[in-house]
Amino acid sequence: MFRHKLGAQSIATLGDRMAEENEGEPVDDLALMKRAYTNKKTGQIDDGLVREVVTLVQTQVQDEVSQLQVEDDASTASTNLSRFRINKISVPKKKGRLVGLDRRTRSVPPSSAPPPFVDPEVLTSQLKDKDDRISLLETQMAAQQAGYEAQRRLNQQMMEMMQMMYPNEVFPKVPDT
């Protein structure tokens, strides 16, 4: 069982308070875990599993940052990963629960929460992609409809030819739909 060192305060409340301290910008789960589980007297994380998770995540974050610096020019590379990327790293699940973060799930935000910020350029790009896809599907549908119409005319011509060749035969009426 994970035991945070917050007393009566919840982890969600701590997250809100840390966001206020960070000029309204939410903090990543790693910072939240460190603050919630660190013993104020010793400055150490008492829970072994949480300590391992924090150490593992710090190592992975440092590895990703160094990898980004190698890929990019070291002078222009950012030394910080995004909060979302760190949260992806720092939320290993054990028995379907987030290690050390109680039941704070990211998959379903509360209904009263504002939607997460998405860059308008990303939304515009996604909208353009969807518009292009709709245009392509409409073109394909029109081509299919033209093919169906051509096949219907061919079937009708064949029926007329068969009726001319065999005037005494009764052929079933085929609906035009």
N, C-alpha and C. Protein backbone atom coordinates (compact mmCIF):
# COMPACT_ATOMS: atom_id res chain seq x y z
N MET A 1 0.85 -1.18 0.00
CA MET A 1 0.00 0.00 0.00
C MET A 1 0.89 1.23 0.00
N PHE A 2 0.60 2.16 -0.87
CA PHE A 2 1.39 3.37 -0.97
C PHE A 2 0.88 4.38 0.05
N ARG A 3 1.76 4.98 0.80
CA ARG A 3 1.36 5.96 1.82
C ARG A 3 2.05 7.29 1.52
N HIS A 4 1.24 8.26 1.15
CA HIS A 4 1.81 9.58 0.91
C HIS A 4 2.01 10.30 2.23
N LYS A 5 2.78 11.34 2.21
CA LYS A 5 3.14 12.10 3.42
C LYS A 5 2.44 13.45 3.45
N LEU A 6 1.18 13.46 3.04
CA LEU A 6 0.47 14.72 2.91
C LEU A 6 -0.51 15.00 4.04
N GLY A 7 -0.70 14.05 4.92
CA GLY A 7 -1.67 14.25 5.99
C GLY A 7 -3.08 14.21 5.42
N ALA A 8 -3.89 15.18 5.78
CA ALA A 8 -5.29 15.21 5.35
C ALA A 8 -5.44 15.70 3.92
N GLN A 9 -4.40 16.20 3.32
CA GLN A 9 -4.46 16.73 1.95
C GLN A 9 -4.40 15.58 0.94
N SER A 10 -5.18 15.65 -0.11
CA SER A 10 -5.14 14.62 -1.14
C SER A 10 -4.06 14.94 -2.16
N ILE A 11 -3.72 13.94 -2.94
CA ILE A 11 -2.71 14.14 -4.00
C ILE A 11 -3.25 15.11 -5.05
N ALA A 12 -4.55 15.02 -5.32
CA ALA A 12 -5.15 15.95 -6.29
C ALA A 12 -5.04 17.39 -5.80
N THR A 13 -5.28 17.59 -4.49
CA THR A 13 -5.16 18.94 -3.92
C THR A 13 -3.72 19.42 -4.00
N LEU A 14 -2.78 18.53 -3.71
CA LEU A 14 -1.37 18.90 -3.82
C LEU A 14 -1.04 19.29 -5.26
N GLY A 15 -1.56 18.52 -6.22
CA GLY A 15 -1.33 18.85 -7.63
C GLY A 15 -1.86 20.23 -7.98
N ASP A 16 -3.05 20.54 -7.47
CA ASP A 16 -3.63 21.87 -7.71
C ASP A 16 -2.77 22.96 -7.08
N ARG A 17 -2.31 22.71 -5.84
CA ARG A 17 -1.49 23.71 -5.15
C ARG A 17 -0.14 23.90 -5.86
N MET A 18 0.45 22.80 -6.32
CA MET A 18 1.72 22.92 -7.04
C MET A 18 1.53 23.65 -8.36
N ALA A 19 0.38 23.46 -9.00
CA ALA A 19 0.10 24.17 -10.25
C ALA A 19 -0.01 25.67 -9.98
N GLU A 20 -0.65 26.04 -8.87
CA GLU A 20 -0.74 27.45 -8.51
C GLU A 20 0.65 28.04 -8.28
N GLU A 21 1.52 27.27 -7.60
CA GLU A 21 2.89 27.73 -7.35
C GLU A 21 3.66 27.86 -8.66
N ASN A 22 3.26 27.08 -9.66
CA ASN A 22 3.94 27.06 -10.95
C ASN A 22 3.23 27.97 -11.95
N GLU A 23 2.66 29.07 -11.46
CA GLU A 23 1.98 30.07 -12.28
C GLU A 23 0.83 29.48 -13.09
N GLY A 24 0.10 28.55 -12.47
CA GLY A 24 -1.08 27.97 -13.12
C GLY A 24 -0.79 26.81 -14.05
N GLU A 25 0.46 26.53 -14.30
CA GLU A 25 0.83 25.43 -15.20
C GLU A 25 0.88 24.13 -14.40
N PRO A 26 0.12 23.10 -14.81
CA PRO A 26 0.14 21.83 -14.07
C PRO A 26 1.55 21.22 -14.06
N VAL A 27 1.87 20.54 -12.97
CA VAL A 27 3.19 19.91 -12.84
C VAL A 27 3.09 18.47 -13.30
N ASP A 28 4.24 17.88 -13.64
CA ASP A 28 4.24 16.50 -14.08
C ASP A 28 4.09 15.55 -12.88
N ASP A 29 3.74 14.31 -13.17
CA ASP A 29 3.50 13.32 -12.12
C ASP A 29 4.76 13.02 -11.32
N LEU A 30 5.92 13.11 -11.96
CA LEU A 30 7.17 12.84 -11.25
C LEU A 30 7.36 13.84 -10.11
N ALA A 31 7.18 15.13 -10.39
CA ALA A 31 7.32 16.15 -9.35
C ALA A 31 6.27 15.95 -8.27
N LEU A 32 5.07 15.59 -8.68
CA LEU A 32 3.99 15.35 -7.73
C LEU A 32 4.31 14.17 -6.82
N MET A 33 4.81 13.08 -7.40
CA MET A 33 5.17 11.91 -6.59
C MET A 33 6.30 12.23 -5.62
N LYS A 34 7.30 12.94 -6.13
CA LYS A 34 8.43 13.28 -5.25
C LYS A 34 7.94 14.08 -4.04
N ARG A 35 7.10 15.07 -4.30
CA ARG A 35 6.62 15.94 -3.22
C ARG A 35 5.71 15.19 -2.27
N ALA A 36 4.85 14.32 -2.81
CA ALA A 36 3.87 13.63 -1.98
C ALA A 36 4.49 12.55 -1.10
N TYR A 37 5.53 11.90 -1.57
CA TYR A 37 6.06 10.74 -0.85
C TYR A 37 7.38 11.02 -0.12
N THR A 38 7.92 12.21 -0.25
CA THR A 38 9.18 12.52 0.43
C THR A 38 8.91 12.85 1.89
N ASN A 39 9.67 12.20 2.76
CA ASN A 39 9.59 12.46 4.19
C ASN A 39 10.21 13.83 4.44
N LYS A 40 9.47 14.73 5.05
CA LYS A 40 9.95 16.10 5.23
C LYS A 40 11.15 16.17 6.17
N LYS A 41 11.23 15.26 7.12
CA LYS A 41 12.34 15.28 8.07
C LYS A 41 13.63 14.75 7.46
N THR A 42 13.52 13.61 6.76
CA THR A 42 14.73 12.98 6.22
C THR A 42 15.03 13.41 4.80
N GLY A 43 14.02 13.90 4.09
CA GLY A 43 14.22 14.28 2.69
C GLY A 43 14.30 13.07 1.77
N GLN A 44 13.93 11.89 2.27
CA GLN A 44 13.98 10.65 1.50
C GLN A 44 12.57 10.12 1.27
N ILE A 45 12.42 9.29 0.25
CA ILE A 45 11.15 8.62 0.00
C ILE A 45 11.19 7.31 0.76
N ASP A 46 10.26 7.13 1.70
CA ASP A 46 10.26 5.95 2.56
C ASP A 46 9.75 4.70 1.85
N ASP A 47 8.75 4.85 1.00
CA ASP A 47 8.15 3.70 0.31
C ASP A 47 9.11 3.20 -0.77
N GLY A 48 9.54 1.95 -0.63
CA GLY A 48 10.54 1.38 -1.55
C GLY A 48 10.08 1.36 -3.00
N LEU A 49 8.83 0.95 -3.24
CA LEU A 49 8.34 0.86 -4.61
C LEU A 49 8.26 2.25 -5.25
N VAL A 50 7.74 3.20 -4.52
CA VAL A 50 7.65 4.57 -5.05
C VAL A 50 9.04 5.12 -5.30
N ARG A 51 9.99 4.85 -4.40
CA ARG A 51 11.37 5.30 -4.58
C ARG A 51 11.95 4.71 -5.86
N GLU A 52 11.69 3.40 -6.10
CA GLU A 52 12.18 2.75 -7.32
C GLU A 52 11.55 3.38 -8.56
N VAL A 53 10.25 3.65 -8.49
CA VAL A 53 9.56 4.26 -9.64
C VAL A 53 10.14 5.64 -9.93
N VAL A 54 10.33 6.44 -8.88
CA VAL A 54 10.88 7.79 -9.06
C VAL A 54 12.28 7.72 -9.65
N THR A 55 13.11 6.83 -9.13
CA THR A 55 14.48 6.69 -9.65
C THR A 55 14.46 6.23 -11.11
N LEU A 56 13.62 5.24 -11.41
CA LEU A 56 13.52 4.74 -12.77
C LEU A 56 13.06 5.83 -13.73
N VAL A 57 12.05 6.58 -13.33
CA VAL A 57 11.53 7.64 -14.19
C VAL A 57 12.56 8.74 -14.39
N GLN A 58 13.27 9.12 -13.32
CA GLN A 58 14.31 10.14 -13.46
C GLN A 58 15.38 9.68 -14.44
N THR A 59 15.75 8.41 -14.37
CA THR A 59 16.75 7.87 -15.29
C THR A 59 16.23 7.91 -16.73
N GLN A 60 14.98 7.50 -16.92
CA GLN A 60 14.41 7.50 -18.27
C GLN A 60 14.29 8.92 -18.83
N VAL A 61 13.90 9.86 -17.98
CA VAL A 61 13.80 11.26 -18.42
C VAL A 61 15.18 11.77 -18.82
N GLN A 62 16.20 11.49 -18.00
CA GLN A 62 17.56 11.93 -18.33
C GLN A 62 18.04 11.29 -19.63
N ASP A 63 17.71 9.99 -19.83
CA ASP A 63 18.09 9.31 -21.07
C ASP A 63 17.43 9.97 -22.28
N GLU A 64 16.15 10.28 -22.17
CA GLU A 64 15.46 10.91 -23.29
C GLU A 64 16.00 12.30 -23.58
N VAL A 65 16.28 13.06 -22.52
CA VAL A 65 16.83 14.40 -22.71
C VAL A 65 18.18 14.31 -23.39
N SER A 66 19.04 13.39 -22.94
CA SER A 66 20.37 13.27 -23.55
C SER A 66 20.25 12.78 -24.99
N GLN A 67 19.28 11.90 -25.26
CA GLN A 67 19.07 11.43 -26.62
C GLN A 67 18.61 12.58 -27.52
N LEU A 68 17.73 13.42 -27.00
CA LEU A 68 17.28 14.58 -27.77
C LEU A 68 18.43 15.54 -28.05
N GLN A 69 19.32 15.69 -27.06
CA GLN A 69 20.46 16.58 -27.25
C GLN A 69 21.43 16.03 -28.27
N VAL A 70 21.54 14.70 -28.35
CA VAL A 70 22.42 14.10 -29.35
C VAL A 70 21.81 14.25 -30.74
N GLU A 71 20.49 14.04 -30.84
CA GLU A 71 19.82 14.14 -32.14
C GLU A 71 19.81 15.58 -32.66
N ASP A 72 19.53 16.53 -31.77
CA ASP A 72 19.50 17.94 -32.16
C ASP A 72 20.88 18.54 -31.90
N ASP A 73 21.03 19.76 -32.33
CA ASP A 73 22.23 20.51 -31.99
C ASP A 73 22.17 20.79 -30.50
N ALA A 74 23.22 20.49 -29.77
CA ALA A 74 23.23 20.62 -28.31
C ALA A 74 22.91 22.04 -27.86
N SER A 75 23.22 23.03 -28.67
CA SER A 75 22.96 24.41 -28.25
C SER A 75 21.48 24.77 -28.35
N THR A 76 20.74 24.10 -29.24
CA THR A 76 19.33 24.44 -29.40
C THR A 76 18.40 23.44 -28.73
N ALA A 77 18.92 22.33 -28.24
CA ALA A 77 18.07 21.30 -27.64
C ALA A 77 17.50 21.77 -26.32
N SER A 78 16.27 21.42 -26.08
CA SER A 78 15.64 21.74 -24.81
C SER A 78 16.07 20.72 -23.77
N THR A 79 16.29 21.20 -22.56
CA THR A 79 16.69 20.27 -21.51
C THR A 79 15.48 19.76 -20.75
N ASN A 80 14.29 20.16 -21.14
CA ASN A 80 13.08 19.71 -20.46
C ASN A 80 12.20 18.91 -21.41
N LEU A 81 11.65 17.82 -20.90
CA LEU A 81 10.64 17.09 -21.65
C LEU A 81 9.29 17.69 -21.29
N SER A 82 8.32 17.48 -22.14
CA SER A 82 6.99 18.00 -21.84
C SER A 82 6.39 17.24 -20.66
N ARG A 83 5.46 17.91 -20.01
CA ARG A 83 4.78 17.29 -18.86
C ARG A 83 4.07 16.01 -19.30
N PHE A 84 3.47 16.02 -20.48
CA PHE A 84 2.75 14.84 -20.96
C PHE A 84 3.69 13.67 -21.20
N ARG A 85 4.88 13.96 -21.75
CA ARG A 85 5.85 12.89 -21.99
C ARG A 85 6.34 12.30 -20.67
N ILE A 86 6.63 13.16 -19.69
CA ILE A 86 7.07 12.66 -18.38
C ILE A 86 5.95 11.85 -17.73
N ASN A 87 4.72 12.31 -17.86
CA ASN A 87 3.60 11.56 -17.28
C ASN A 87 3.44 10.20 -17.93
N LYS A 88 3.70 10.11 -19.23
CA LYS A 88 3.64 8.82 -19.89
C LYS A 88 4.67 7.87 -19.32
N ILE A 89 5.84 8.40 -19.03
CA ILE A 89 6.90 7.58 -18.45
C ILE A 89 6.56 7.22 -17.02
N SER A 90 6.04 8.18 -16.26
CA SER A 90 5.96 8.01 -14.81
C SER A 90 4.68 7.40 -14.29
N VAL A 91 3.89 6.82 -15.14
CA VAL A 91 2.66 6.25 -14.64
C VAL A 91 2.59 4.74 -14.92
N PRO A 92 3.54 3.97 -14.37
CA PRO A 92 3.43 2.52 -14.54
C PRO A 92 2.23 2.02 -13.74
N LYS A 93 1.56 1.00 -14.26
CA LYS A 93 0.38 0.49 -13.58
C LYS A 93 0.70 -0.82 -12.87
N LYS A 94 0.12 -0.98 -11.71
CA LYS A 94 0.24 -2.22 -10.96
C LYS A 94 -1.18 -2.61 -10.58
N LYS A 95 -1.61 -3.78 -11.04
CA LYS A 95 -2.98 -4.25 -10.80
C LYS A 95 -4.01 -3.23 -11.27
N GLY A 96 -3.73 -2.60 -12.40
CA GLY A 96 -4.67 -1.64 -12.98
C GLY A 96 -4.68 -0.28 -12.32
N ARG A 97 -3.80 -0.05 -11.36
CA ARG A 97 -3.76 1.24 -10.67
C ARG A 97 -2.46 1.95 -10.98
N LEU A 98 -2.50 3.27 -10.86
CA LEU A 98 -1.30 4.06 -11.10
C LEU A 98 -0.43 4.01 -9.85
N VAL A 99 0.80 3.57 -10.00
CA VAL A 99 1.70 3.44 -8.86
C VAL A 99 1.93 4.79 -8.22
N GLY A 100 1.58 4.88 -6.94
CA GLY A 100 1.87 6.07 -6.16
C GLY A 100 0.98 7.26 -6.40
N LEU A 101 0.01 7.15 -7.27
CA LEU A 101 -0.83 8.31 -7.57
C LEU A 101 -2.29 8.07 -7.24
N ASP A 102 -2.55 7.15 -6.34
CA ASP A 102 -3.90 6.87 -5.90
C ASP A 102 -4.73 6.51 -7.12
N ARG A 103 -5.84 7.16 -7.34
CA ARG A 103 -6.68 6.81 -8.48
C ARG A 103 -6.80 7.96 -9.46
N ARG A 104 -5.78 8.74 -9.60
CA ARG A 104 -5.80 9.85 -10.55
C ARG A 104 -5.57 9.29 -11.94
N THR A 105 -6.62 9.06 -12.69
CA THR A 105 -6.46 8.54 -14.04
C THR A 105 -6.48 9.68 -15.03
N ARG A 106 -5.79 9.49 -16.13
CA ARG A 106 -5.72 10.52 -17.16
C ARG A 106 -6.68 10.21 -18.31
N SER A 107 -7.24 9.00 -18.32
CA SER A 107 -8.04 8.62 -19.47
C SER A 107 -9.39 9.32 -19.50
N VAL A 108 -10.00 9.57 -18.34
CA VAL A 108 -11.31 10.20 -18.30
C VAL A 108 -11.25 11.38 -17.35
N PRO A 109 -11.13 12.60 -17.87
CA PRO A 109 -11.11 13.76 -16.98
C PRO A 109 -12.50 13.97 -16.38
N PRO A 110 -12.58 14.60 -15.23
CA PRO A 110 -13.89 14.87 -14.66
C PRO A 110 -14.70 15.75 -15.59
N SER A 111 -16.02 15.61 -15.52
CA SER A 111 -16.87 16.32 -16.47
C SER A 111 -16.80 17.83 -16.29
N SER A 112 -16.45 18.29 -15.09
CA SER A 112 -16.38 19.72 -14.87
C SER A 112 -15.03 20.32 -15.27
N ALA A 113 -14.07 19.45 -15.60
CA ALA A 113 -12.73 19.94 -15.96
C ALA A 113 -12.78 20.56 -17.36
N PRO A 114 -12.03 21.64 -17.57
CA PRO A 114 -11.98 22.21 -18.91
C PRO A 114 -11.22 21.26 -19.83
N PRO A 115 -11.51 21.28 -21.11
CA PRO A 115 -10.79 20.40 -22.03
C PRO A 115 -9.31 20.78 -22.05
N PRO A 116 -8.43 19.80 -22.27
CA PRO A 116 -7.01 20.11 -22.30
C PRO A 116 -6.68 21.03 -23.48
N PHE A 117 -5.65 21.85 -23.31
CA PHE A 117 -5.26 22.78 -24.36
C PHE A 117 -4.67 22.01 -25.54
N VAL A 118 -5.16 22.34 -26.72
CA VAL A 118 -4.62 21.77 -27.95
C VAL A 118 -4.27 22.93 -28.85
N ASP A 119 -3.08 22.87 -29.42
CA ASP A 119 -2.61 23.94 -30.29
C ASP A 119 -3.57 24.10 -31.47
N PRO A 120 -4.03 25.32 -31.76
CA PRO A 120 -4.96 25.54 -32.87
C PRO A 120 -4.40 25.07 -34.22
N GLU A 121 -3.10 25.15 -34.40
CA GLU A 121 -2.51 24.68 -35.66
C GLU A 121 -2.70 23.18 -35.81
N VAL A 122 -2.59 22.44 -34.70
CA VAL A 122 -2.81 20.99 -34.74
C VAL A 122 -4.26 20.70 -35.11
N LEU A 123 -5.18 21.43 -34.48
CA LEU A 123 -6.60 21.23 -34.80
C LEU A 123 -6.90 21.58 -36.25
N THR A 124 -6.31 22.66 -36.74
CA THR A 124 -6.52 23.06 -38.13
C THR A 124 -5.98 21.99 -39.08
N SER A 125 -4.82 21.45 -38.76
CA SER A 125 -4.23 20.40 -39.58
C SER A 125 -5.11 19.15 -39.57
N GLN A 126 -5.60 18.77 -38.40
CA GLN A 126 -6.48 17.60 -38.31
C GLN A 126 -7.76 17.83 -39.09
N LEU A 127 -8.30 19.03 -39.01
CA LEU A 127 -9.53 19.36 -39.73
C LEU A 127 -9.29 19.29 -41.24
N LYS A 128 -8.15 19.80 -41.70
CA LYS A 128 -7.83 19.75 -43.13
C LYS A 128 -7.69 18.30 -43.59
N ASP A 129 -7.02 17.46 -42.77
CA ASP A 129 -6.88 16.05 -43.11
C ASP A 129 -8.25 15.38 -43.22
N LYS A 130 -9.13 15.69 -42.30
CA LYS A 130 -10.48 15.10 -42.33
C LYS A 130 -11.26 15.60 -43.55
N ASP A 131 -11.11 16.89 -43.88
CA ASP A 131 -11.78 17.43 -45.07
C ASP A 131 -11.27 16.74 -46.33
N ASP A 132 -9.95 16.53 -46.41
CA ASP A 132 -9.38 15.83 -47.56
C ASP A 132 -9.93 14.41 -47.65
N ARG A 133 -10.03 13.75 -46.51
CA ARG A 133 -10.55 12.38 -46.49
C ARG A 133 -12.01 12.35 -46.92
N ILE A 134 -12.79 13.31 -46.46
CA ILE A 134 -14.21 13.38 -46.86
C ILE A 134 -14.32 13.60 -48.37
N SER A 135 -13.50 14.49 -48.92
CA SER A 135 -13.52 14.74 -50.37
C SER A 135 -13.18 13.48 -51.14
N LEU A 136 -12.17 12.76 -50.67
CA LEU A 136 -11.77 11.52 -51.33
C LEU A 136 -12.90 10.50 -51.28
N LEU A 137 -13.54 10.36 -50.12
CA LEU A 137 -14.64 9.40 -49.98
C LEU A 137 -15.83 9.80 -50.86
N GLU A 138 -16.10 11.10 -50.96
CA GLU A 138 -17.19 11.55 -51.82
C GLU A 138 -16.89 11.24 -53.28
N THR A 139 -15.64 11.42 -53.69
CA THR A 139 -15.23 11.11 -55.06
C THR A 139 -15.38 9.62 -55.33
N GLN A 140 -14.93 8.80 -54.37
CA GLN A 140 -15.05 7.35 -54.53
C GLN A 140 -16.51 6.93 -54.60
N MET A 141 -17.35 7.55 -53.78
CA MET A 141 -18.77 7.21 -53.77
C MET A 141 -19.42 7.60 -55.10
N ALA A 142 -19.05 8.75 -55.65
CA ALA A 142 -19.59 9.17 -56.94
C ALA A 142 -19.17 8.20 -58.04
N ALA A 143 -17.92 7.74 -57.99
CA ALA A 143 -17.44 6.78 -58.98
C ALA A 143 -18.20 5.46 -58.86
N GLN A 144 -18.45 5.03 -57.63
CA GLN A 144 -19.22 3.80 -57.43
C GLN A 144 -20.64 3.96 -57.96
N GLN A 145 -21.24 5.10 -57.67
CA GLN A 145 -22.60 5.36 -58.13
C GLN A 145 -22.66 5.35 -59.66
N ALA A 146 -21.66 5.93 -60.30
CA ALA A 146 -21.60 5.92 -61.77
C ALA A 146 -21.45 4.49 -62.28
N GLY A 147 -20.66 3.69 -61.59
CA GLY A 147 -20.50 2.28 -61.97
C GLY A 147 -21.80 1.51 -61.83
N TYR A 148 -22.54 1.76 -60.75
CA TYR A 148 -23.83 1.10 -60.55
C TYR A 148 -24.80 1.50 -61.65
N GLU A 149 -24.80 2.77 -62.00
CA GLU A 149 -25.70 3.28 -63.04
C GLU A 149 -25.37 2.64 -64.39
N ALA A 150 -24.08 2.53 -64.71
CA ALA A 150 -23.67 1.90 -65.97
C ALA A 150 -24.08 0.43 -65.98
N GLN A 151 -23.93 -0.26 -64.86
CA GLN A 151 -24.32 -1.67 -64.78
C GLN A 151 -25.84 -1.82 -64.93
N ARG A 152 -26.60 -0.90 -64.33
CA ARG A 152 -28.06 -0.94 -64.45
C ARG A 152 -28.50 -0.78 -65.91
N ARG A 153 -27.86 0.18 -66.61
CA ARG A 153 -28.19 0.38 -68.03
C ARG A 153 -27.84 -0.86 -68.86
N LEU A 154 -26.69 -1.47 -68.56
CA LEU A 154 -26.28 -2.68 -69.28
C LEU A 154 -27.28 -3.82 -69.02
N ASN A 155 -27.69 -3.98 -67.77
CA ASN A 155 -28.67 -5.01 -67.44
C ASN A 155 -29.99 -4.77 -68.17
N GLN A 156 -30.40 -3.51 -68.23
CA GLN A 156 -31.64 -3.16 -68.91
C GLN A 156 -31.54 -3.47 -70.41
N GLN A 157 -30.41 -3.16 -71.04
CA GLN A 157 -30.20 -3.45 -72.45
C GLN A 157 -30.23 -4.96 -72.69
N MET A 158 -29.62 -5.72 -71.79
CA MET A 158 -29.60 -7.18 -71.94
C MET A 158 -31.02 -7.75 -71.85
N MET A 159 -31.82 -7.21 -70.92
CA MET A 159 -33.20 -7.67 -70.80
C MET A 159 -33.99 -7.37 -72.07
N GLU A 160 -33.78 -6.16 -72.63
CA GLU A 160 -34.48 -5.80 -73.86
C GLU A 160 -34.08 -6.72 -75.01
N MET A 161 -32.78 -7.06 -75.09
CA MET A 161 -32.30 -7.97 -76.14
C MET A 161 -32.91 -9.36 -75.96
N MET A 162 -32.96 -9.83 -74.72
CA MET A 162 -33.52 -11.16 -74.46
C MET A 162 -35.01 -11.19 -74.81
N GLN A 163 -35.72 -10.11 -74.52
CA GLN A 163 -37.15 -10.05 -74.85
C GLN A 163 -37.36 -10.02 -76.36
N MET A 164 -36.43 -9.36 -77.09
CA MET A 164 -36.53 -9.34 -78.55
C MET A 164 -36.21 -10.72 -79.12
N MET A 165 -35.22 -11.42 -78.54
CA MET A 165 -34.83 -12.73 -79.05
C MET A 165 -35.86 -13.80 -78.69
N TYR A 166 -36.46 -13.68 -77.53
CA TYR A 166 -37.43 -14.67 -77.04
C TYR A 166 -38.73 -13.95 -76.66
N PRO A 167 -39.51 -13.55 -77.67
CA PRO A 167 -40.71 -12.75 -77.38
C PRO A 167 -41.78 -13.51 -76.60
N ASN A 168 -41.80 -14.83 -76.67
CA ASN A 168 -42.84 -15.61 -75.99
C ASN A 168 -42.49 -15.90 -74.53
N GLU A 169 -41.26 -15.66 -74.13
CA GLU A 169 -40.83 -15.93 -72.75
C GLU A 169 -41.25 -14.78 -71.84
N VAL A 170 -41.51 -15.13 -70.59
CA VAL A 170 -41.84 -14.12 -69.58
C VAL A 170 -40.63 -14.01 -68.65
N PHE A 171 -40.05 -12.86 -68.62
CA PHE A 171 -38.88 -12.63 -67.76
C PHE A 171 -39.31 -11.88 -66.51
N PRO A 172 -38.64 -12.17 -65.39
CA PRO A 172 -39.02 -11.47 -64.16
C PRO A 172 -38.67 -9.99 -64.25
N LYS A 173 -39.51 -9.20 -63.65
CA LYS A 173 -39.28 -7.76 -63.63
C LYS A 173 -38.24 -7.47 -62.54
N VAL A 174 -37.16 -6.80 -62.91
CA VAL A 174 -36.10 -6.45 -61.97
C VAL A 174 -36.28 -4.99 -61.57
N PRO A 175 -36.37 -4.72 -60.26
CA PRO A 175 -36.55 -3.32 -59.84
C PRO A 175 -35.31 -2.49 -60.16
N ASP A 176 -35.53 -1.18 -60.34
CA ASP A 176 -34.45 -0.26 -60.71
C ASP A 176 -33.62 0.20 -59.52
N THR A 177 -33.97 -0.15 -58.32
CA THR A 177 -33.27 0.38 -57.14
C THR A 177 -31.91 -0.15 -56.97
